[in-house]
Structures are given as structure tokens and as C-alpha cells.
Amino acid sequence: QVQLVESGGGLVQAGGSLRLSCAASGLTFSSYIMGWFRQAPGKERETVAGIRGNGHIVYYADSVKGRSTISRDNAKSTVYLQMNSLKPEDTAVYYCAGGRTTYGSRWYAVDNYDYWGQGTQVTVSS
């Protein structure tokens, strides 16, 4: 049974930083693309960042590019999202997800991911 468990969310002031972690189990972690997604109230779930199995190919949404870093530790089956210079508009529930389909130009898209965590709340106050 695949499980993805996020941690590291919380309340932070604008300009602050957070590091999200997602521990995976029940899958061959290094074979999966991993991603971070977020969903704000009343909005659709959107991709924040994605990372391929080898960790060398990454994707960032324009909204977080330059402020966030996704990384993975395949030995620990864990993926991370370091977020800096946080803005109130970053407030959302953040989800970790894993995908088996590793090819395709839209590998980072929401609908390409098969397994999802329960989410962790990130709130950025102004």
C-alpha cells in the first residue's frame, strides 16, 4: 500500500521560509516522479514543482520559480520543498504526489500523478 505523508506546514509571516517534507512508502521511490501541488480555497489544484526520479530534471511553476527548491533523497524515500520569500498568495493546502508515468512533456501536470498525500496547510500572513 502506497503512503505519502507530508509534514512541515504551518503559519509563517510574509517573507519567511518553510521546508515541506514528504515521506513515501510502499513504492519503488526512485522510479517515480514526485511533485508538490497546492490548492487554495475555491481554486483548482495546481502544480508547484516536480522532480524526476534521478533528481536532475525539475519543474517549477512560474509563481514559485526562484523562491522554491524541490529535491529528493531516494535513499530515504523522501521529497522536499524549500520555500523562501513566502507571500500571502502562497497560502494553500500543499500536497505531495507520486507518478508512475515518467515520460511525456507534461509529466509535472496534476493528472499525471497516481498517489497523493493527505496535504499540509501553509498559511502566510501579511
N, C-alpha and C. Protein backbone atom coordinates (compact mmCIF):
# COMPACT_ATOMS: atom_id res chain seq x y z
N GLN A 1 0.84 -1.19 0.00
CA GLN A 1 0.00 0.00 0.00
C GLN A 1 0.88 1.24 0.00
N VAL A 2 0.63 2.09 -0.97
CA VAL A 2 1.41 3.32 -1.08
C VAL A 2 0.92 4.35 -0.08
N GLN A 3 1.87 4.96 0.62
CA GLN A 3 1.53 6.04 1.55
C GLN A 3 2.50 7.20 1.33
N LEU A 4 1.94 8.38 1.32
CA LEU A 4 2.72 9.62 1.24
C LEU A 4 2.29 10.49 2.41
N VAL A 5 3.24 10.90 3.22
CA VAL A 5 2.93 11.65 4.43
C VAL A 5 3.72 12.96 4.42
N GLU A 6 2.97 14.07 4.33
CA GLU A 6 3.60 15.38 4.30
C GLU A 6 3.78 15.91 5.71
N SER A 7 4.76 16.77 5.87
CA SER A 7 4.98 17.47 7.14
C SER A 7 5.70 18.78 6.83
N GLY A 8 5.68 19.67 7.82
CA GLY A 8 6.42 20.92 7.69
C GLY A 8 5.59 22.15 7.41
N GLY A 9 4.30 21.98 7.23
CA GLY A 9 3.45 23.13 7.01
C GLY A 9 3.28 23.94 8.28
N GLY A 10 2.62 25.10 8.15
CA GLY A 10 2.38 25.92 9.32
C GLY A 10 2.07 27.35 8.96
N LEU A 11 2.11 28.19 9.97
CA LEU A 11 1.84 29.62 9.82
C LEU A 11 3.17 30.37 9.81
N VAL A 12 3.35 31.22 8.81
CA VAL A 12 4.59 31.98 8.69
C VAL A 12 4.27 33.37 8.19
N GLN A 13 5.07 34.32 8.57
CA GLN A 13 4.88 35.68 8.09
C GLN A 13 5.42 35.83 6.66
N ALA A 14 4.87 36.78 5.97
CA ALA A 14 5.34 37.06 4.61
C ALA A 14 6.84 37.33 4.64
N GLY A 15 7.54 36.77 3.68
CA GLY A 15 8.98 36.89 3.63
C GLY A 15 9.72 35.75 4.30
N GLY A 16 8.98 34.93 5.04
CA GLY A 16 9.59 33.82 5.74
C GLY A 16 9.78 32.60 4.87
N SER A 17 10.22 31.53 5.50
CA SER A 17 10.54 30.29 4.78
C SER A 17 9.92 29.09 5.47
N LEU A 18 9.68 28.07 4.69
CA LEU A 18 9.21 26.78 5.19
C LEU A 18 9.86 25.68 4.37
N ARG A 19 10.06 24.54 5.00
CA ARG A 19 10.54 23.36 4.30
C ARG A 19 9.53 22.24 4.50
N LEU A 20 8.91 21.84 3.42
CA LEU A 20 7.97 20.73 3.45
C LEU A 20 8.70 19.44 3.15
N SER A 21 8.28 18.37 3.82
CA SER A 21 8.83 17.05 3.58
C SER A 21 7.70 16.08 3.27
N CYS A 22 8.02 15.08 2.50
CA CYS A 22 7.04 14.05 2.16
C CYS A 22 7.74 12.71 2.19
N ALA A 23 7.36 11.87 3.14
CA ALA A 23 7.94 10.54 3.27
C ALA A 23 7.06 9.52 2.56
N ALA A 24 7.65 8.75 1.68
CA ALA A 24 6.90 7.78 0.89
C ALA A 24 7.21 6.36 1.33
N SER A 25 6.22 5.50 1.21
CA SER A 25 6.42 4.08 1.49
C SER A 25 5.52 3.28 0.57
N GLY A 26 5.89 2.01 0.36
CA GLY A 26 5.06 1.13 -0.46
C GLY A 26 5.27 1.27 -1.95
N LEU A 27 6.31 1.97 -2.35
CA LEU A 27 6.60 2.11 -3.78
C LEU A 27 8.11 2.14 -4.01
N THR A 28 8.51 1.83 -5.23
CA THR A 28 9.93 1.93 -5.58
C THR A 28 10.21 3.40 -5.86
N PHE A 29 10.59 4.08 -4.83
CA PHE A 29 10.59 5.55 -4.84
C PHE A 29 11.39 6.13 -5.99
N SER A 30 12.56 5.61 -6.25
CA SER A 30 13.44 6.20 -7.26
C SER A 30 12.87 6.07 -8.67
N SER A 31 11.87 5.20 -8.86
CA SER A 31 11.25 5.02 -10.17
C SER A 31 10.10 5.99 -10.42
N TYR A 32 9.74 6.73 -9.42
CA TYR A 32 8.57 7.61 -9.51
C TYR A 32 8.98 9.06 -9.68
N ILE A 33 8.22 9.75 -10.52
CA ILE A 33 8.30 11.19 -10.49
C ILE A 33 7.54 11.65 -9.25
N MET A 34 8.02 12.72 -8.65
CA MET A 34 7.37 13.25 -7.45
C MET A 34 7.06 14.72 -7.67
N GLY A 35 6.02 15.16 -7.02
CA GLY A 35 5.65 16.55 -7.20
C GLY A 35 5.01 17.14 -5.97
N TRP A 36 5.02 18.44 -5.93
CA TRP A 36 4.30 19.21 -4.91
C TRP A 36 3.22 20.02 -5.62
N PHE A 37 2.06 20.03 -5.02
CA PHE A 37 0.91 20.71 -5.58
C PHE A 37 0.25 21.50 -4.48
N ARG A 38 -0.59 22.45 -4.84
CA ARG A 38 -1.30 23.20 -3.83
C ARG A 38 -2.70 23.53 -4.31
N GLN A 39 -3.56 23.72 -3.31
CA GLN A 39 -4.94 24.08 -3.62
C GLN A 39 -5.42 25.09 -2.59
N ALA A 40 -5.75 26.25 -3.08
CA ALA A 40 -6.31 27.30 -2.24
C ALA A 40 -7.83 27.21 -2.28
N PRO A 41 -8.51 27.73 -1.27
CA PRO A 41 -9.97 27.67 -1.25
C PRO A 41 -10.59 28.26 -2.51
N GLY A 42 -11.48 27.52 -3.12
CA GLY A 42 -12.17 28.00 -4.30
C GLY A 42 -11.37 27.92 -5.58
N LYS A 43 -10.18 27.36 -5.51
CA LYS A 43 -9.33 27.27 -6.69
C LYS A 43 -9.00 25.82 -7.01
N GLU A 44 -8.59 25.59 -8.25
CA GLU A 44 -8.20 24.25 -8.65
C GLU A 44 -6.81 23.92 -8.11
N ARG A 45 -6.56 22.64 -7.98
CA ARG A 45 -5.25 22.19 -7.56
C ARG A 45 -4.25 22.50 -8.68
N GLU A 46 -3.09 23.01 -8.29
CA GLU A 46 -2.10 23.39 -9.29
C GLU A 46 -0.73 22.83 -8.93
N THR A 47 0.06 22.63 -9.95
CA THR A 47 1.42 22.15 -9.75
C THR A 47 2.29 23.27 -9.20
N VAL A 48 3.07 22.95 -8.17
CA VAL A 48 4.06 23.88 -7.64
C VAL A 48 5.44 23.52 -8.19
N ALA A 49 5.80 22.25 -8.06
CA ALA A 49 7.12 21.80 -8.53
C ALA A 49 7.09 20.30 -8.74
N GLY A 50 7.95 19.83 -9.63
CA GLY A 50 8.07 18.41 -9.88
C GLY A 50 9.53 18.02 -10.02
N ILE A 51 9.81 16.73 -9.78
CA ILE A 51 11.18 16.26 -9.88
C ILE A 51 11.18 14.85 -10.42
N ARG A 52 12.06 14.59 -11.38
CA ARG A 52 12.15 13.27 -11.97
C ARG A 52 12.93 12.34 -11.03
N GLY A 53 12.92 11.06 -11.35
CA GLY A 53 13.48 10.06 -10.46
C GLY A 53 14.94 10.25 -10.11
N ASN A 54 15.72 10.72 -11.07
CA ASN A 54 17.15 10.89 -10.81
C ASN A 54 17.46 12.19 -10.10
N GLY A 55 16.45 13.05 -9.96
CA GLY A 55 16.64 14.30 -9.25
C GLY A 55 17.25 15.41 -10.07
N HIS A 56 17.62 15.11 -11.31
CA HIS A 56 18.32 16.11 -12.13
C HIS A 56 17.38 16.95 -12.98
N ILE A 57 16.18 16.48 -13.19
CA ILE A 57 15.22 17.22 -14.00
C ILE A 57 14.10 17.68 -13.09
N VAL A 58 13.91 18.98 -13.07
CA VAL A 58 12.90 19.57 -12.20
C VAL A 58 12.04 20.54 -12.99
N TYR A 59 10.90 20.83 -12.41
CA TYR A 59 9.96 21.80 -12.97
C TYR A 59 9.47 22.69 -11.84
N TYR A 60 9.30 23.98 -12.15
CA TYR A 60 8.72 24.92 -11.20
C TYR A 60 7.64 25.73 -11.90
N ALA A 61 6.56 25.95 -11.19
CA ALA A 61 5.56 26.89 -11.68
C ALA A 61 6.16 28.29 -11.67
N ASP A 62 5.72 29.11 -12.59
CA ASP A 62 6.24 30.47 -12.66
C ASP A 62 6.04 31.22 -11.34
N SER A 63 4.95 30.90 -10.64
CA SER A 63 4.61 31.62 -9.43
C SER A 63 5.60 31.38 -8.29
N VAL A 64 6.37 30.29 -8.36
CA VAL A 64 7.32 29.97 -7.28
C VAL A 64 8.75 29.92 -7.77
N LYS A 65 8.96 30.06 -9.06
CA LYS A 65 10.31 29.96 -9.62
C LYS A 65 11.21 31.02 -9.00
N GLY A 66 12.40 30.59 -8.59
CA GLY A 66 13.33 31.50 -7.95
C GLY A 66 13.16 31.61 -6.44
N ARG A 67 12.04 31.12 -5.93
CA ARG A 67 11.77 31.19 -4.49
C ARG A 67 11.70 29.81 -3.85
N SER A 68 11.60 28.78 -4.68
CA SER A 68 11.41 27.44 -4.15
C SER A 68 12.41 26.46 -4.76
N THR A 69 12.71 25.42 -4.00
CA THR A 69 13.60 24.37 -4.47
C THR A 69 13.03 23.02 -4.09
N ILE A 70 12.85 22.18 -5.10
CA ILE A 70 12.41 20.81 -4.85
C ILE A 70 13.63 19.90 -4.90
N SER A 71 13.66 18.92 -4.03
CA SER A 71 14.76 17.96 -4.00
C SER A 71 14.23 16.62 -3.50
N ARG A 72 15.04 15.60 -3.69
CA ARG A 72 14.63 14.28 -3.22
C ARG A 72 15.84 13.52 -2.71
N ASP A 73 15.57 12.65 -1.76
CA ASP A 73 16.59 11.75 -1.24
C ASP A 73 16.06 10.34 -1.46
N ASN A 74 16.52 9.71 -2.50
CA ASN A 74 15.99 8.39 -2.83
C ASN A 74 16.32 7.34 -1.77
N ALA A 75 17.41 7.52 -1.07
CA ALA A 75 17.78 6.58 -0.01
C ALA A 75 16.79 6.65 1.16
N LYS A 76 16.19 7.81 1.33
CA LYS A 76 15.22 7.99 2.42
C LYS A 76 13.78 7.99 1.93
N SER A 77 13.60 7.83 0.61
CA SER A 77 12.25 7.86 0.02
C SER A 77 11.50 9.11 0.44
N THR A 78 12.17 10.22 0.33
CA THR A 78 11.61 11.48 0.79
C THR A 78 11.83 12.58 -0.26
N VAL A 79 10.83 13.39 -0.43
CA VAL A 79 10.93 14.55 -1.31
C VAL A 79 10.68 15.80 -0.47
N TYR A 80 11.39 16.87 -0.83
CA TYR A 80 11.33 18.11 -0.06
C TYR A 80 10.92 19.28 -0.95
N LEU A 81 10.36 20.29 -0.31
CA LEU A 81 10.10 21.55 -0.98
C LEU A 81 10.53 22.67 -0.04
N GLN A 82 11.59 23.35 -0.39
CA GLN A 82 12.05 24.52 0.36
C GLN A 82 11.41 25.75 -0.27
N MET A 83 10.69 26.48 0.54
CA MET A 83 10.02 27.68 0.04
C MET A 83 10.53 28.90 0.79
N ASN A 84 11.01 29.88 0.05
CA ASN A 84 11.54 31.11 0.63
C ASN A 84 10.73 32.30 0.14
N SER A 85 10.94 33.41 0.80
CA SER A 85 10.26 34.66 0.42
C SER A 85 8.77 34.42 0.23
N LEU A 86 8.16 33.78 1.18
CA LEU A 86 6.75 33.40 1.07
C LEU A 86 5.85 34.63 1.02
N LYS A 87 4.78 34.48 0.25
CA LYS A 87 3.82 35.56 0.05
C LYS A 87 2.45 35.09 0.52
N PRO A 88 1.56 36.01 0.88
CA PRO A 88 0.22 35.60 1.27
C PRO A 88 -0.48 34.74 0.22
N GLU A 89 -0.20 34.99 -1.03
CA GLU A 89 -0.83 34.20 -2.10
C GLU A 89 -0.30 32.78 -2.19
N ASP A 90 0.71 32.44 -1.40
CA ASP A 90 1.18 31.06 -1.31
C ASP A 90 0.33 30.24 -0.34
N THR A 91 -0.57 30.89 0.35
CA THR A 91 -1.42 30.19 1.31
C THR A 91 -2.29 29.16 0.59
N ALA A 92 -2.20 27.92 1.06
CA ALA A 92 -2.94 26.82 0.43
C ALA A 92 -2.66 25.54 1.21
N VAL A 93 -3.39 24.50 0.87
CA VAL A 93 -3.03 23.16 1.31
C VAL A 93 -2.04 22.61 0.28
N TYR A 94 -0.92 22.14 0.76
CA TYR A 94 0.12 21.61 -0.11
C TYR A 94 0.10 20.08 -0.07
N TYR A 95 0.12 19.50 -1.25
CA TYR A 95 0.06 18.05 -1.39
C TYR A 95 1.32 17.53 -2.07
N CYS A 96 1.74 16.38 -1.61
CA CYS A 96 2.81 15.64 -2.25
C CYS A 96 2.16 14.53 -3.08
N ALA A 97 2.75 14.21 -4.22
CA ALA A 97 2.19 13.14 -5.05
C ALA A 97 3.29 12.43 -5.81
N GLY A 98 3.01 11.18 -6.15
CA GLY A 98 3.94 10.36 -6.91
C GLY A 98 3.29 9.84 -8.16
N GLY A 99 4.05 9.79 -9.25
CA GLY A 99 3.51 9.33 -10.51
C GLY A 99 4.36 8.23 -11.13
N ARG A 100 3.69 7.24 -11.73
CA ARG A 100 4.40 6.13 -12.36
C ARG A 100 4.79 6.44 -13.80
N THR A 101 4.06 7.35 -14.44
CA THR A 101 4.33 7.66 -15.85
C THR A 101 5.41 8.71 -15.90
N THR A 102 6.60 8.29 -16.31
CA THR A 102 7.75 9.20 -16.21
C THR A 102 8.08 9.89 -17.52
N TYR A 103 7.33 9.59 -18.58
CA TYR A 103 7.62 10.22 -19.87
C TYR A 103 6.53 11.23 -20.20
N GLY A 104 6.76 11.99 -21.25
CA GLY A 104 5.77 12.97 -21.67
C GLY A 104 6.19 14.38 -21.29
N SER A 105 5.78 15.32 -22.14
CA SER A 105 6.19 16.70 -21.94
C SER A 105 5.48 17.34 -20.74
N ARG A 106 4.34 16.78 -20.34
CA ARG A 106 3.59 17.34 -19.22
C ARG A 106 3.67 16.43 -18.00
N TRP A 107 4.82 15.89 -17.75
CA TRP A 107 4.99 14.93 -16.66
C TRP A 107 4.70 15.57 -15.31
N TYR A 108 4.73 16.86 -15.22
CA TYR A 108 4.52 17.56 -13.95
C TYR A 108 3.04 17.95 -13.73
N ALA A 109 2.19 17.63 -14.67
CA ALA A 109 0.78 18.03 -14.56
C ALA A 109 0.06 17.21 -13.50
N VAL A 110 -0.95 17.84 -12.90
CA VAL A 110 -1.70 17.22 -11.81
C VAL A 110 -2.24 15.85 -12.21
N ASP A 111 -2.78 15.73 -13.41
CA ASP A 111 -3.44 14.49 -13.81
C ASP A 111 -2.47 13.38 -14.16
N ASN A 112 -1.17 13.64 -14.05
CA ASN A 112 -0.16 12.61 -14.34
C ASN A 112 0.27 11.85 -13.09
N TYR A 113 -0.31 12.20 -11.94
CA TYR A 113 0.13 11.63 -10.68
C TYR A 113 -0.92 10.66 -10.12
N ASP A 114 -0.42 9.58 -9.56
CA ASP A 114 -1.29 8.46 -9.16
C ASP A 114 -1.56 8.38 -7.67
N TYR A 115 -0.61 8.77 -6.87
CA TYR A 115 -0.73 8.63 -5.42
C TYR A 115 -0.54 9.99 -4.76
N TRP A 116 -1.38 10.25 -3.77
CA TRP A 116 -1.42 11.57 -3.14
C TRP A 116 -1.35 11.45 -1.63
N GLY A 117 -0.69 12.44 -1.02
CA GLY A 117 -0.72 12.55 0.43
C GLY A 117 -1.98 13.25 0.89
N GLN A 118 -2.09 13.41 2.19
CA GLN A 118 -3.30 14.00 2.77
C GLN A 118 -3.24 15.53 2.78
N GLY A 119 -2.08 16.09 2.54
CA GLY A 119 -1.94 17.54 2.48
C GLY A 119 -1.49 18.15 3.79
N THR A 120 -0.83 19.28 3.68
CA THR A 120 -0.41 20.04 4.85
C THR A 120 -0.69 21.52 4.59
N GLN A 121 -1.25 22.18 5.59
CA GLN A 121 -1.66 23.58 5.42
C GLN A 121 -0.47 24.51 5.55
N VAL A 122 -0.37 25.42 4.60
CA VAL A 122 0.61 26.51 4.66
C VAL A 122 -0.17 27.82 4.66
N THR A 123 0.05 28.61 5.68
CA THR A 123 -0.63 29.90 5.79
C THR A 123 0.43 30.99 5.93
N VAL A 124 0.37 31.97 5.04
CA VAL A 124 1.32 33.07 5.05
C VAL A 124 0.56 34.34 5.41
N SER A 125 0.92 34.94 6.51
CA SER A 125 0.26 36.16 6.95
C SER A 125 1.00 37.38 6.43
N SER A 126 0.22 38.42 6.18
CA SER A 126 0.81 39.66 5.63
C SER A 126 1.26 40.59 6.74
